[in-house]
Amino acid sequence: MSNRLAGILFLKIDGEMYQVKGGFTYNLGIPTREFIPGSEGFKETEQAAFIEGEITDHPELDLKRLVTLDGVTATLELANGKVFLLRNAWYAGDGNVSSEEANITVKFEAANGEEIR
């Protein structure tokens, strides 16, 4: 078993590998809980599961195709061996590209996510 906890990661959308930059954030889509003042309880609010981070723009990348993806399987493979999976996901970012370092911020959302070990 490896002691590596962080570092190299991979993003795949329907099996197609994307060049990632830096760190990514992901969320299982479990409802958030918030205390209700004046009570001894809380309320739950639904949230979407997501994968968010930056990828590298390159001549072969079709930006219009990327930002209109829907019904895809998105996987984030982490250095610690975990794989985070979104099924029937959609692109939820704004499609902005930064030319300085060829960055595209991407966000994929789904009704729920799954962490595979």
N, C-alpha and C. Protein backbone atom coordinates (compact mmCIF):
# COMPACT_ATOMS: atom_id res chain seq x y z
N MET A 1 0.84 -1.19 0.00
CA MET A 1 0.00 0.00 0.00
C MET A 1 0.88 1.24 0.00
N SER A 2 0.52 2.20 -0.80
CA SER A 2 1.28 3.44 -0.94
C SER A 2 0.94 4.41 0.19
N ASN A 3 1.92 5.22 0.58
CA ASN A 3 1.71 6.27 1.58
C ASN A 3 1.36 7.60 0.93
N ARG A 4 1.32 7.62 -0.39
CA ARG A 4 1.02 8.86 -1.11
C ARG A 4 -0.43 9.24 -0.87
N LEU A 5 -0.66 10.45 -0.42
CA LEU A 5 -2.01 10.92 -0.13
C LEU A 5 -2.52 11.94 -1.13
N ALA A 6 -1.62 12.67 -1.76
CA ALA A 6 -2.03 13.73 -2.67
C ALA A 6 -1.02 13.85 -3.80
N GLY A 7 -1.38 14.63 -4.79
CA GLY A 7 -0.47 14.86 -5.92
C GLY A 7 -1.17 14.59 -7.23
N ILE A 8 -0.57 13.74 -8.04
CA ILE A 8 -1.04 13.47 -9.40
C ILE A 8 -2.49 12.99 -9.37
N LEU A 9 -3.31 13.55 -10.27
CA LEU A 9 -4.69 13.11 -10.39
C LEU A 9 -5.10 13.12 -11.85
N PHE A 10 -6.21 12.47 -12.14
CA PHE A 10 -6.70 12.35 -13.51
C PHE A 10 -8.19 12.65 -13.55
N LEU A 11 -8.60 13.37 -14.60
CA LEU A 11 -10.01 13.65 -14.85
C LEU A 11 -10.37 13.00 -16.18
N LYS A 12 -11.42 12.18 -16.14
CA LYS A 12 -11.93 11.54 -17.35
C LYS A 12 -13.40 11.85 -17.49
N ILE A 13 -13.80 12.19 -18.71
CA ILE A 13 -15.20 12.41 -19.03
C ILE A 13 -15.56 11.42 -20.12
N ASP A 14 -16.47 10.51 -19.81
CA ASP A 14 -16.81 9.41 -20.73
C ASP A 14 -15.56 8.72 -21.25
N GLY A 15 -14.59 8.52 -20.38
CA GLY A 15 -13.37 7.80 -20.72
C GLY A 15 -12.28 8.64 -21.36
N GLU A 16 -12.60 9.87 -21.76
CA GLU A 16 -11.61 10.76 -22.38
C GLU A 16 -10.84 11.51 -21.30
N MET A 17 -9.51 11.38 -21.33
CA MET A 17 -8.65 12.01 -20.32
C MET A 17 -8.43 13.48 -20.65
N TYR A 18 -8.51 14.33 -19.62
CA TYR A 18 -8.25 15.76 -19.75
C TYR A 18 -6.99 16.12 -18.97
N GLN A 19 -6.26 17.12 -19.47
CA GLN A 19 -5.04 17.58 -18.80
C GLN A 19 -5.43 18.51 -17.66
N VAL A 20 -5.20 18.05 -16.42
CA VAL A 20 -5.61 18.84 -15.25
C VAL A 20 -4.49 19.76 -14.80
N LYS A 21 -4.89 20.83 -14.10
CA LYS A 21 -3.96 21.80 -13.54
C LYS A 21 -4.30 21.97 -12.07
N GLY A 22 -3.33 21.78 -11.21
CA GLY A 22 -3.53 22.05 -9.79
C GLY A 22 -4.53 21.13 -9.14
N GLY A 23 -5.13 21.62 -8.07
CA GLY A 23 -6.04 20.83 -7.28
C GLY A 23 -7.47 20.88 -7.79
N PHE A 24 -8.21 19.85 -7.46
CA PHE A 24 -9.63 19.77 -7.78
C PHE A 24 -10.41 19.66 -6.48
N THR A 25 -11.67 20.03 -6.52
CA THR A 25 -12.58 19.90 -5.40
C THR A 25 -13.72 19.00 -5.84
N TYR A 26 -14.17 18.15 -4.93
CA TYR A 26 -15.35 17.35 -5.26
C TYR A 26 -16.25 17.26 -4.04
N ASN A 27 -17.53 16.92 -4.30
CA ASN A 27 -18.53 16.88 -3.24
C ASN A 27 -19.51 15.76 -3.56
N LEU A 28 -19.85 14.96 -2.57
CA LEU A 28 -20.75 13.81 -2.75
C LEU A 28 -22.20 14.20 -3.03
N GLY A 29 -22.58 15.43 -2.70
CA GLY A 29 -23.96 15.86 -2.90
C GLY A 29 -24.87 15.48 -1.75
N ILE A 30 -24.28 15.23 -0.60
CA ILE A 30 -25.07 14.92 0.60
C ILE A 30 -25.71 16.23 1.08
N PRO A 31 -26.96 16.19 1.50
CA PRO A 31 -27.60 17.43 1.96
C PRO A 31 -26.81 18.13 3.07
N THR A 32 -26.80 19.46 3.01
CA THR A 32 -26.14 20.24 4.06
C THR A 32 -27.12 20.40 5.22
N ARG A 33 -26.56 20.49 6.42
CA ARG A 33 -27.38 20.66 7.62
C ARG A 33 -27.12 22.02 8.23
N GLU A 34 -28.19 22.65 8.69
CA GLU A 34 -28.09 23.96 9.29
C GLU A 34 -28.99 24.02 10.52
N PHE A 35 -28.43 24.51 11.61
CA PHE A 35 -29.16 24.64 12.87
C PHE A 35 -30.35 25.58 12.70
N ILE A 36 -31.48 25.24 13.31
CA ILE A 36 -32.65 26.11 13.33
C ILE A 36 -32.68 26.81 14.68
N PRO A 37 -32.41 28.13 14.71
CA PRO A 37 -32.42 28.87 15.98
C PRO A 37 -33.75 28.71 16.72
N GLY A 38 -33.68 28.61 18.03
CA GLY A 38 -34.88 28.47 18.85
C GLY A 38 -35.38 27.04 18.91
N SER A 39 -34.62 26.12 18.36
CA SER A 39 -35.02 24.71 18.40
C SER A 39 -33.82 23.88 18.81
N GLU A 40 -34.04 22.61 18.91
CA GLU A 40 -32.93 21.70 19.18
C GLU A 40 -32.67 20.84 17.95
N GLY A 41 -33.01 21.39 16.80
CA GLY A 41 -32.88 20.61 15.58
C GLY A 41 -32.23 21.37 14.44
N PHE A 42 -32.26 20.76 13.27
CA PHE A 42 -31.63 21.33 12.08
C PHE A 42 -32.51 21.08 10.87
N LYS A 43 -32.20 21.80 9.81
CA LYS A 43 -32.86 21.56 8.53
C LYS A 43 -31.81 21.06 7.54
N GLU A 44 -32.26 20.34 6.55
CA GLU A 44 -31.36 19.86 5.50
C GLU A 44 -31.74 20.53 4.18
N THR A 45 -30.71 20.88 3.42
CA THR A 45 -30.89 21.50 2.11
C THR A 45 -30.13 20.66 1.09
N GLU A 46 -30.80 20.29 0.03
CA GLU A 46 -30.15 19.50 -1.02
C GLU A 46 -29.06 20.30 -1.71
N GLN A 47 -28.05 19.59 -2.18
CA GLN A 47 -27.01 20.20 -3.00
C GLN A 47 -26.58 19.19 -4.06
N ALA A 48 -26.07 19.69 -5.16
CA ALA A 48 -25.60 18.83 -6.23
C ALA A 48 -24.22 18.27 -5.89
N ALA A 49 -23.98 17.05 -6.32
CA ALA A 49 -22.62 16.51 -6.26
C ALA A 49 -21.84 17.18 -7.38
N PHE A 50 -20.52 17.38 -7.18
CA PHE A 50 -19.76 18.04 -8.24
C PHE A 50 -18.29 17.68 -8.22
N ILE A 51 -17.65 17.94 -9.35
CA ILE A 51 -16.20 17.92 -9.54
C ILE A 51 -15.85 19.27 -10.13
N GLU A 52 -14.86 19.96 -9.54
CA GLU A 52 -14.50 21.29 -10.03
C GLU A 52 -13.00 21.50 -9.96
N GLY A 53 -12.46 22.12 -10.99
CA GLY A 53 -11.03 22.43 -11.04
C GLY A 53 -10.67 23.07 -12.37
N GLU A 54 -9.39 23.02 -12.71
CA GLU A 54 -8.92 23.62 -13.97
C GLU A 54 -8.27 22.58 -14.85
N ILE A 55 -8.55 22.70 -16.14
CA ILE A 55 -7.89 21.87 -17.14
C ILE A 55 -7.11 22.78 -18.07
N THR A 56 -6.28 22.18 -18.91
CA THR A 56 -5.45 22.92 -19.86
C THR A 56 -6.14 22.98 -21.22
N ASP A 57 -6.22 24.17 -21.77
CA ASP A 57 -6.73 24.33 -23.13
C ASP A 57 -5.63 23.90 -24.10
N HIS A 58 -6.03 23.32 -25.21
CA HIS A 58 -5.06 22.94 -26.26
C HIS A 58 -5.79 22.96 -27.60
N PRO A 59 -5.05 22.97 -28.71
CA PRO A 59 -5.68 23.13 -30.03
C PRO A 59 -6.77 22.11 -30.35
N GLU A 60 -6.67 20.88 -29.84
CA GLU A 60 -7.65 19.84 -30.16
C GLU A 60 -8.89 19.91 -29.27
N LEU A 61 -8.88 20.70 -28.21
CA LEU A 61 -10.02 20.75 -27.30
C LEU A 61 -11.13 21.59 -27.91
N ASP A 62 -12.32 21.00 -28.00
CA ASP A 62 -13.50 21.67 -28.56
C ASP A 62 -14.28 22.27 -27.39
N LEU A 63 -14.11 23.58 -27.15
CA LEU A 63 -14.72 24.24 -26.01
C LEU A 63 -16.25 24.17 -26.06
N LYS A 64 -16.83 24.38 -27.22
CA LYS A 64 -18.29 24.34 -27.33
C LYS A 64 -18.81 22.96 -26.95
N ARG A 65 -18.14 21.92 -27.40
CA ARG A 65 -18.55 20.56 -27.06
C ARG A 65 -18.42 20.33 -25.55
N LEU A 66 -17.31 20.79 -24.97
CA LEU A 66 -17.07 20.62 -23.54
C LEU A 66 -18.17 21.26 -22.70
N VAL A 67 -18.49 22.52 -22.98
CA VAL A 67 -19.44 23.26 -22.14
C VAL A 67 -20.90 22.87 -22.38
N THR A 68 -21.15 22.01 -23.35
CA THR A 68 -22.52 21.54 -23.58
C THR A 68 -22.68 20.06 -23.24
N LEU A 69 -21.67 19.46 -22.61
CA LEU A 69 -21.77 18.05 -22.25
C LEU A 69 -22.90 17.82 -21.26
N ASP A 70 -23.62 16.72 -21.46
CA ASP A 70 -24.75 16.37 -20.60
C ASP A 70 -24.92 14.86 -20.65
N GLY A 71 -25.28 14.26 -19.52
CA GLY A 71 -25.48 12.81 -19.48
C GLY A 71 -24.20 12.02 -19.53
N VAL A 72 -23.10 12.61 -19.07
CA VAL A 72 -21.79 11.97 -19.14
C VAL A 72 -21.41 11.32 -17.80
N THR A 73 -20.40 10.47 -17.85
CA THR A 73 -19.79 9.90 -16.65
C THR A 73 -18.48 10.63 -16.43
N ALA A 74 -18.34 11.26 -15.27
CA ALA A 74 -17.12 12.01 -14.93
C ALA A 74 -16.43 11.29 -13.78
N THR A 75 -15.13 11.04 -13.94
CA THR A 75 -14.37 10.40 -12.88
C THR A 75 -13.13 11.23 -12.56
N LEU A 76 -12.87 11.35 -11.28
CA LEU A 76 -11.68 12.03 -10.78
C LEU A 76 -10.89 10.98 -10.02
N GLU A 77 -9.70 10.63 -10.56
CA GLU A 77 -8.85 9.61 -9.95
C GLU A 77 -7.77 10.30 -9.13
N LEU A 78 -7.78 10.06 -7.81
CA LEU A 78 -6.89 10.75 -6.88
C LEU A 78 -5.62 9.96 -6.62
N ALA A 79 -4.59 10.66 -6.16
CA ALA A 79 -3.29 10.06 -5.88
C ALA A 79 -3.37 9.03 -4.76
N ASN A 80 -4.33 9.14 -3.86
CA ASN A 80 -4.45 8.21 -2.74
C ASN A 80 -5.19 6.93 -3.10
N GLY A 81 -5.55 6.77 -4.38
CA GLY A 81 -6.21 5.56 -4.84
C GLY A 81 -7.72 5.66 -4.93
N LYS A 82 -8.31 6.71 -4.38
CA LYS A 82 -9.76 6.87 -4.48
C LYS A 82 -10.14 7.33 -5.88
N VAL A 83 -11.35 6.97 -6.26
CA VAL A 83 -11.93 7.44 -7.51
C VAL A 83 -13.29 8.04 -7.14
N PHE A 84 -13.52 9.26 -7.58
CA PHE A 84 -14.81 9.91 -7.36
C PHE A 84 -15.57 9.88 -8.67
N LEU A 85 -16.81 9.45 -8.63
CA LEU A 85 -17.59 9.19 -9.83
C LEU A 85 -18.91 9.95 -9.82
N LEU A 86 -19.19 10.60 -10.94
CA LEU A 86 -20.50 11.22 -11.19
C LEU A 86 -21.11 10.51 -12.39
N ARG A 87 -22.32 10.02 -12.23
CA ARG A 87 -23.04 9.42 -13.35
C ARG A 87 -24.11 10.39 -13.83
N ASN A 88 -24.38 10.38 -15.12
CA ASN A 88 -25.38 11.25 -15.73
C ASN A 88 -25.13 12.72 -15.35
N ALA A 89 -23.88 13.12 -15.47
CA ALA A 89 -23.45 14.47 -15.08
C ALA A 89 -23.58 15.45 -16.25
N TRP A 90 -23.56 16.73 -15.90
CA TRP A 90 -23.61 17.80 -16.89
C TRP A 90 -22.55 18.84 -16.57
N TYR A 91 -22.12 19.57 -17.61
CA TYR A 91 -21.18 20.67 -17.42
C TYR A 91 -21.92 21.82 -16.77
N ALA A 92 -21.38 22.35 -15.66
CA ALA A 92 -22.06 23.41 -14.92
C ALA A 92 -21.18 24.65 -14.77
N GLY A 93 -20.08 24.72 -15.51
CA GLY A 93 -19.20 25.89 -15.42
C GLY A 93 -19.68 27.01 -16.32
N ASP A 94 -18.90 28.07 -16.37
CA ASP A 94 -19.27 29.22 -17.20
C ASP A 94 -18.57 29.24 -18.55
N GLY A 95 -17.59 28.40 -18.77
CA GLY A 95 -16.91 28.32 -20.06
C GLY A 95 -15.80 29.33 -20.27
N ASN A 96 -15.38 30.02 -19.20
CA ASN A 96 -14.30 31.00 -19.33
C ASN A 96 -12.96 30.33 -19.54
N VAL A 97 -12.15 30.92 -20.43
CA VAL A 97 -10.80 30.44 -20.70
C VAL A 97 -9.83 31.57 -20.40
N SER A 98 -8.76 31.27 -19.67
CA SER A 98 -7.71 32.25 -19.41
C SER A 98 -6.55 31.97 -20.35
N SER A 99 -6.22 32.95 -21.19
CA SER A 99 -5.17 32.74 -22.18
C SER A 99 -3.76 32.80 -21.58
N GLU A 100 -3.61 33.40 -20.41
CA GLU A 100 -2.27 33.56 -19.81
C GLU A 100 -1.59 32.21 -19.60
N GLU A 101 -2.32 31.24 -19.06
CA GLU A 101 -1.74 29.91 -18.84
C GLU A 101 -2.60 28.81 -19.43
N ALA A 102 -3.48 29.16 -20.36
CA ALA A 102 -4.36 28.21 -21.06
C ALA A 102 -5.24 27.43 -20.08
N ASN A 103 -5.81 28.13 -19.10
CA ASN A 103 -6.66 27.51 -18.09
C ASN A 103 -8.13 27.57 -18.49
N ILE A 104 -8.84 26.47 -18.24
CA ILE A 104 -10.29 26.44 -18.34
C ILE A 104 -10.81 25.89 -17.02
N THR A 105 -11.60 26.68 -16.32
CA THR A 105 -12.21 26.20 -15.09
C THR A 105 -13.42 25.36 -15.48
N VAL A 106 -13.45 24.13 -14.99
CA VAL A 106 -14.55 23.22 -15.31
C VAL A 106 -15.29 22.81 -14.05
N LYS A 107 -16.57 22.58 -14.20
CA LYS A 107 -17.37 22.06 -13.11
C LYS A 107 -18.42 21.13 -13.71
N PHE A 108 -18.45 19.92 -13.18
CA PHE A 108 -19.47 18.95 -13.57
C PHE A 108 -20.31 18.65 -12.35
N GLU A 109 -21.63 18.60 -12.54
CA GLU A 109 -22.56 18.33 -11.45
C GLU A 109 -23.42 17.13 -11.80
N ALA A 110 -23.96 16.50 -10.76
CA ALA A 110 -24.91 15.39 -10.92
C ALA A 110 -25.77 15.34 -9.67
N ALA A 111 -26.82 14.54 -9.71
CA ALA A 111 -27.71 14.42 -8.57
C ALA A 111 -26.99 13.88 -7.34
N ASN A 112 -26.04 12.95 -7.56
CA ASN A 112 -25.24 12.44 -6.45
C ASN A 112 -23.93 11.89 -6.97
N GLY A 113 -22.98 11.76 -6.07
CA GLY A 113 -21.65 11.26 -6.41
C GLY A 113 -21.33 10.02 -5.61
N GLU A 114 -20.30 9.31 -6.07
CA GLU A 114 -19.91 8.08 -5.43
C GLU A 114 -18.39 8.05 -5.27
N GLU A 115 -17.94 7.74 -4.08
CA GLU A 115 -16.51 7.61 -3.81
C GLU A 115 -16.17 6.12 -3.78
N ILE A 116 -15.25 5.74 -4.66
CA ILE A 116 -14.86 4.34 -4.79
C ILE A 116 -13.43 4.21 -4.26
N ARG A 117 -13.19 3.20 -3.47
CA ARG A 117 -11.85 2.99 -2.91
C ARG A 117 -11.13 1.91 -3.64
